[in-house]
Amino acid sequence: MPRARNNVASRRRRRRVLTQAKGYWGSRSKIYTVAKHAVEKGLQYAYRDRRQRKRQFRRLWIIRINAAARQHGTTYSRLAGALRKRSIQINRKVLADLAMNEPEAFAAVVQAAAQE
């Protein structure tokens, strides 16, 4: 009795990998074994970079807040400490957005934090 190879499942598995490799250059999108390695590596990068994106945005927000804070005679570090001391809870994303798009509102936050 011949062995069952289950062609349907193996074809579906290979087709799935080749579909994921669509748009890759050359044999990375055409040949299954090469495409499989490229797709696996791409998924590893995607997993890693989802976390790195969060770090990069945090760095960008801090840079923007620091630049705006220096225009008001303070630094990011002093501003963050003053906000914490005054119990003003505002996250970096919103603070950076205020610094970029609403300079008057950012100035008000700096003033509120700097009050003695």
N, C-alpha and C. Protein backbone atom coordinates (compact mmCIF):
# COMPACT_ATOMS: atom_id res chain seq x y z
N MET A 1 0.84 -1.18 0.00
CA MET A 1 0.00 0.00 0.00
C MET A 1 0.89 1.25 0.00
N PRO A 2 0.65 2.18 -0.94
CA PRO A 2 1.50 3.37 -1.00
C PRO A 2 1.24 4.29 0.20
N ARG A 3 2.30 5.07 0.54
CA ARG A 3 2.11 5.94 1.69
C ARG A 3 1.34 7.19 1.27
N ALA A 4 0.58 7.69 2.21
CA ALA A 4 -0.21 8.90 1.94
C ALA A 4 0.69 10.11 2.13
N ARG A 5 0.70 10.99 1.15
CA ARG A 5 1.61 12.13 1.23
C ARG A 5 0.91 13.41 1.68
N ASN A 6 -0.41 13.41 1.64
CA ASN A 6 -1.21 14.59 2.02
C ASN A 6 -0.76 15.82 1.24
N ASN A 7 -0.89 15.72 -0.05
CA ASN A 7 -0.50 16.79 -0.96
C ASN A 7 -1.20 18.11 -0.66
N VAL A 8 -2.46 18.00 -0.29
CA VAL A 8 -3.25 19.21 -0.08
C VAL A 8 -2.64 20.08 1.01
N ALA A 9 -2.29 19.47 2.14
CA ALA A 9 -1.75 20.23 3.27
C ALA A 9 -0.39 20.82 2.95
N SER A 10 0.49 20.03 2.32
CA SER A 10 1.83 20.54 2.02
C SER A 10 1.77 21.66 1.00
N ARG A 11 0.87 21.53 0.01
CA ARG A 11 0.70 22.61 -0.97
C ARG A 11 0.21 23.89 -0.29
N ARG A 12 -0.75 23.72 0.61
CA ARG A 12 -1.31 24.88 1.31
C ARG A 12 -0.23 25.56 2.15
N ARG A 13 0.60 24.75 2.81
CA ARG A 13 1.66 25.30 3.65
C ARG A 13 2.66 26.08 2.79
N ARG A 14 3.05 25.50 1.66
CA ARG A 14 4.02 26.19 0.78
C ARG A 14 3.42 27.43 0.16
N ARG A 15 2.15 27.35 -0.23
CA ARG A 15 1.48 28.50 -0.82
C ARG A 15 1.41 29.65 0.18
N ARG A 16 1.15 29.32 1.46
CA ARG A 16 1.05 30.35 2.49
C ARG A 16 2.38 31.08 2.64
N VAL A 17 3.49 30.33 2.63
CA VAL A 17 4.81 30.95 2.76
C VAL A 17 5.10 31.83 1.54
N LEU A 18 4.80 31.31 0.35
CA LEU A 18 5.08 32.08 -0.87
C LEU A 18 4.20 33.33 -0.95
N THR A 19 2.99 33.25 -0.40
CA THR A 19 2.12 34.44 -0.37
C THR A 19 2.70 35.49 0.57
N GLN A 20 3.23 35.03 1.71
CA GLN A 20 3.84 35.97 2.66
C GLN A 20 5.09 36.60 2.06
N ALA A 21 5.76 35.89 1.15
CA ALA A 21 7.01 36.38 0.56
C ALA A 21 6.75 37.25 -0.67
N LYS A 22 5.50 37.54 -0.96
CA LYS A 22 5.17 38.36 -2.12
C LYS A 22 5.83 39.72 -1.99
N GLY A 23 6.45 40.18 -3.06
CA GLY A 23 7.12 41.47 -3.02
C GLY A 23 8.59 41.38 -2.68
N TYR A 24 9.04 40.21 -2.22
CA TYR A 24 10.46 40.04 -1.95
C TYR A 24 11.19 39.95 -3.27
N TRP A 25 12.50 40.22 -3.26
CA TRP A 25 13.27 40.32 -4.48
C TRP A 25 13.77 38.95 -4.94
N GLY A 26 13.63 38.68 -6.24
CA GLY A 26 14.22 37.48 -6.87
C GLY A 26 13.69 36.18 -6.30
N SER A 27 14.61 35.27 -6.04
CA SER A 27 14.21 33.92 -5.63
C SER A 27 13.61 33.90 -4.23
N ARG A 28 13.76 34.99 -3.48
CA ARG A 28 13.16 35.06 -2.15
C ARG A 28 11.64 35.03 -2.24
N SER A 29 11.09 35.36 -3.40
CA SER A 29 9.64 35.31 -3.55
C SER A 29 9.18 34.17 -4.45
N LYS A 30 10.14 33.41 -5.01
CA LYS A 30 9.77 32.38 -5.99
C LYS A 30 10.04 30.95 -5.49
N ILE A 31 11.18 30.76 -4.84
CA ILE A 31 11.61 29.41 -4.45
C ILE A 31 11.24 29.19 -2.99
N TYR A 32 10.54 28.08 -2.74
CA TYR A 32 9.98 27.85 -1.41
C TYR A 32 11.02 27.88 -0.31
N THR A 33 12.12 27.14 -0.45
CA THR A 33 13.10 27.06 0.65
C THR A 33 13.71 28.42 0.94
N VAL A 34 14.04 29.17 -0.08
CA VAL A 34 14.62 30.50 0.10
C VAL A 34 13.57 31.43 0.70
N ALA A 35 12.34 31.34 0.19
CA ALA A 35 11.25 32.19 0.68
C ALA A 35 10.95 31.90 2.14
N LYS A 36 11.03 30.62 2.51
CA LYS A 36 10.73 30.24 3.90
C LYS A 36 11.70 30.92 4.86
N HIS A 37 13.00 30.91 4.51
CA HIS A 37 14.00 31.55 5.36
C HIS A 37 13.77 33.07 5.41
N ALA A 38 13.46 33.66 4.25
CA ALA A 38 13.25 35.11 4.19
C ALA A 38 12.03 35.51 5.02
N VAL A 39 10.96 34.73 4.94
CA VAL A 39 9.74 35.03 5.69
C VAL A 39 9.98 34.89 7.18
N GLU A 40 10.68 33.83 7.58
CA GLU A 40 10.97 33.62 9.01
C GLU A 40 11.79 34.79 9.55
N LYS A 41 12.79 35.21 8.79
CA LYS A 41 13.64 36.32 9.22
C LYS A 41 12.81 37.61 9.29
N GLY A 42 11.95 37.80 8.30
CA GLY A 42 11.09 38.98 8.29
C GLY A 42 10.17 39.02 9.50
N LEU A 43 9.65 37.88 9.90
CA LEU A 43 8.78 37.82 11.08
C LEU A 43 9.57 38.11 12.35
N GLN A 44 10.83 37.66 12.40
CA GLN A 44 11.68 37.96 13.55
C GLN A 44 11.91 39.46 13.66
N TYR A 45 12.21 40.09 12.51
CA TYR A 45 12.43 41.53 12.49
C TYR A 45 11.15 42.26 12.93
N ALA A 46 10.00 41.79 12.44
CA ALA A 46 8.74 42.44 12.77
C ALA A 46 8.48 42.37 14.27
N TYR A 47 8.74 41.21 14.87
CA TYR A 47 8.53 41.03 16.31
C TYR A 47 9.44 41.97 17.09
N ARG A 48 10.72 42.00 16.71
CA ARG A 48 11.71 42.84 17.40
C ARG A 48 11.36 44.32 17.25
N ASP A 49 11.01 44.71 16.03
CA ASP A 49 10.82 46.13 15.74
C ASP A 49 9.52 46.68 16.30
N ARG A 50 8.53 45.81 16.58
CA ARG A 50 7.33 46.31 17.27
C ARG A 50 7.71 46.85 18.63
N ARG A 51 8.69 46.24 19.27
CA ARG A 51 9.16 46.72 20.56
C ARG A 51 10.08 47.93 20.41
N GLN A 52 10.93 47.88 19.38
CA GLN A 52 11.86 49.00 19.18
C GLN A 52 11.13 50.28 18.80
N ARG A 53 9.99 50.14 18.11
CA ARG A 53 9.23 51.32 17.72
C ARG A 53 8.81 52.11 18.96
N LYS A 54 8.41 51.40 20.01
CA LYS A 54 8.01 52.06 21.25
C LYS A 54 9.17 52.84 21.86
N ARG A 55 10.36 52.23 21.84
CA ARG A 55 11.56 52.90 22.38
C ARG A 55 11.89 54.14 21.57
N GLN A 56 11.82 53.99 20.24
CA GLN A 56 12.19 55.10 19.37
C GLN A 56 11.25 56.29 19.53
N PHE A 57 9.95 55.99 19.67
CA PHE A 57 9.00 57.08 19.87
C PHE A 57 9.23 57.78 21.21
N ARG A 58 9.52 56.98 22.24
CA ARG A 58 9.79 57.59 23.54
C ARG A 58 10.99 58.54 23.45
N ARG A 59 12.06 58.11 22.75
CA ARG A 59 13.24 58.95 22.57
C ARG A 59 12.88 60.24 21.82
N LEU A 60 12.08 60.11 20.77
CA LEU A 60 11.67 61.27 19.98
C LEU A 60 10.88 62.26 20.83
N TRP A 61 9.93 61.73 21.64
CA TRP A 61 9.13 62.61 22.49
C TRP A 61 10.01 63.36 23.48
N ILE A 62 10.97 62.65 24.07
CA ILE A 62 11.85 63.29 25.06
C ILE A 62 12.67 64.39 24.39
N ILE A 63 13.17 64.13 23.19
CA ILE A 63 13.95 65.14 22.46
C ILE A 63 13.09 66.38 22.20
N ARG A 64 11.84 66.18 21.77
CA ARG A 64 10.96 67.31 21.47
C ARG A 64 10.61 68.09 22.73
N ILE A 65 10.33 67.37 23.82
CA ILE A 65 9.99 68.05 25.08
C ILE A 65 11.20 68.85 25.57
N ASN A 66 12.38 68.26 25.48
CA ASN A 66 13.60 68.93 25.93
C ASN A 66 13.84 70.21 25.13
N ALA A 67 13.67 70.13 23.82
CA ALA A 67 13.88 71.31 22.97
C ALA A 67 12.92 72.42 23.35
N ALA A 68 11.65 72.06 23.56
CA ALA A 68 10.65 73.07 23.92
C ALA A 68 10.89 73.60 25.32
N ALA A 69 11.30 72.72 26.23
CA ALA A 69 11.54 73.14 27.61
C ALA A 69 12.70 74.13 27.68
N ARG A 70 13.72 73.91 26.87
CA ARG A 70 14.87 74.80 26.86
C ARG A 70 14.50 76.20 26.35
N GLN A 71 13.48 76.28 25.52
CA GLN A 71 13.00 77.59 25.07
C GLN A 71 12.33 78.35 26.21
N HIS A 72 11.92 77.61 27.24
CA HIS A 72 11.28 78.23 28.39
C HIS A 72 12.21 78.27 29.60
N GLY A 73 13.51 78.11 29.37
CA GLY A 73 14.50 78.29 30.42
C GLY A 73 14.65 77.13 31.38
N THR A 74 14.25 75.95 30.98
CA THR A 74 14.43 74.77 31.84
C THR A 74 14.90 73.61 30.96
N THR A 75 15.05 72.43 31.56
CA THR A 75 15.46 71.25 30.79
C THR A 75 14.39 70.18 30.94
N TYR A 76 14.51 69.13 30.15
CA TYR A 76 13.55 68.02 30.25
C TYR A 76 13.58 67.42 31.64
N SER A 77 14.78 67.22 32.16
CA SER A 77 14.93 66.58 33.46
C SER A 77 14.27 67.40 34.57
N ARG A 78 14.54 68.70 34.57
CA ARG A 78 13.94 69.58 35.60
C ARG A 78 12.42 69.66 35.45
N LEU A 79 11.97 69.72 34.19
CA LEU A 79 10.53 69.79 33.94
C LEU A 79 9.84 68.52 34.41
N ALA A 80 10.41 67.37 34.09
CA ALA A 80 9.81 66.09 34.50
C ALA A 80 9.77 65.99 36.02
N GLY A 81 10.85 66.41 36.68
CA GLY A 81 10.88 66.39 38.14
C GLY A 81 9.84 67.32 38.74
N ALA A 82 9.71 68.52 38.17
CA ALA A 82 8.73 69.49 38.68
C ALA A 82 7.30 68.99 38.47
N LEU A 83 7.04 68.37 37.33
CA LEU A 83 5.70 67.83 37.06
C LEU A 83 5.36 66.73 38.07
N ARG A 84 6.33 65.89 38.35
CA ARG A 84 6.12 64.80 39.31
C ARG A 84 5.89 65.37 40.71
N LYS A 85 6.65 66.38 41.06
CA LYS A 85 6.55 67.02 42.38
C LYS A 85 5.17 67.66 42.57
N ARG A 86 4.65 68.28 41.50
CA ARG A 86 3.34 68.93 41.55
C ARG A 86 2.19 67.95 41.32
N SER A 87 2.50 66.68 41.10
CA SER A 87 1.49 65.63 40.81
C SER A 87 0.68 65.96 39.55
N ILE A 88 1.35 66.52 38.56
CA ILE A 88 0.72 66.77 37.26
C ILE A 88 1.02 65.55 36.40
N GLN A 89 0.00 64.74 36.16
CA GLN A 89 0.20 63.51 35.40
C GLN A 89 -0.14 63.75 33.94
N ILE A 90 0.89 63.89 33.15
CA ILE A 90 0.73 64.07 31.70
C ILE A 90 1.84 63.27 31.03
N ASN A 91 1.46 62.42 30.10
CA ASN A 91 2.48 61.52 29.53
C ASN A 91 3.32 62.21 28.46
N ARG A 92 4.41 61.56 28.10
CA ARG A 92 5.38 62.15 27.18
C ARG A 92 4.78 62.40 25.80
N LYS A 93 3.93 61.49 25.37
CA LYS A 93 3.34 61.62 24.03
C LYS A 93 2.52 62.91 23.94
N VAL A 94 1.67 63.14 24.92
CA VAL A 94 0.82 64.33 24.93
C VAL A 94 1.66 65.58 25.11
N LEU A 95 2.65 65.51 26.01
CA LEU A 95 3.51 66.65 26.26
C LEU A 95 4.28 67.05 25.00
N ALA A 96 4.79 66.06 24.28
CA ALA A 96 5.52 66.33 23.03
C ALA A 96 4.58 66.92 21.99
N ASP A 97 3.35 66.43 21.95
CA ASP A 97 2.38 66.96 20.99
C ASP A 97 2.04 68.42 21.32
N LEU A 98 1.89 68.70 22.61
CA LEU A 98 1.66 70.09 23.01
C LEU A 98 2.84 70.97 22.62
N ALA A 99 4.04 70.48 22.85
CA ALA A 99 5.25 71.25 22.53
C ALA A 99 5.31 71.58 21.05
N MET A 100 4.89 70.63 20.22
CA MET A 100 4.96 70.84 18.77
C MET A 100 3.81 71.70 18.25
N ASN A 101 2.58 71.37 18.66
CA ASN A 101 1.40 71.94 18.01
C ASN A 101 0.69 73.02 18.82
N GLU A 102 0.88 73.03 20.15
CA GLU A 102 0.20 74.00 21.01
C GLU A 102 1.23 74.65 21.94
N PRO A 103 2.08 75.53 21.43
CA PRO A 103 3.14 76.10 22.27
C PRO A 103 2.61 76.88 23.47
N GLU A 104 1.43 77.52 23.33
CA GLU A 104 0.86 78.27 24.46
C GLU A 104 0.47 77.30 25.58
N ALA A 105 -0.14 76.19 25.22
CA ALA A 105 -0.55 75.20 26.21
C ALA A 105 0.68 74.60 26.89
N PHE A 106 1.73 74.36 26.11
CA PHE A 106 2.97 73.82 26.69
C PHE A 106 3.57 74.82 27.66
N ALA A 107 3.54 76.10 27.31
CA ALA A 107 4.06 77.14 28.19
C ALA A 107 3.26 77.17 29.49
N ALA A 108 1.94 76.96 29.39
CA ALA A 108 1.11 76.93 30.59
C ALA A 108 1.48 75.75 31.48
N VAL A 109 1.78 74.60 30.88
CA VAL A 109 2.19 73.42 31.65
C VAL A 109 3.51 73.70 32.35
N VAL A 110 4.45 74.32 31.63
CA VAL A 110 5.75 74.66 32.23
C VAL A 110 5.55 75.62 33.40
N GLN A 111 4.68 76.61 33.22
CA GLN A 111 4.39 77.57 34.29
C GLN A 111 3.78 76.89 35.51
N ALA A 112 2.83 75.99 35.25
CA ALA A 112 2.17 75.26 36.35
C ALA A 112 3.18 74.41 37.12
N ALA A 113 4.12 73.81 36.40
CA ALA A 113 5.13 72.97 37.04
C ALA A 113 6.15 73.81 37.82
N ALA A 114 6.41 75.03 37.34
CA ALA A 114 7.45 75.86 37.94
C ALA A 114 6.98 76.66 39.13
N GLN A 115 5.68 76.67 39.40
CA GLN A 115 5.16 77.46 40.53
C GLN A 115 5.78 77.01 41.85
N GLU A 116 6.07 77.98 42.68
CA GLU A 116 6.66 77.68 43.99
C GLU A 116 5.59 77.64 45.06
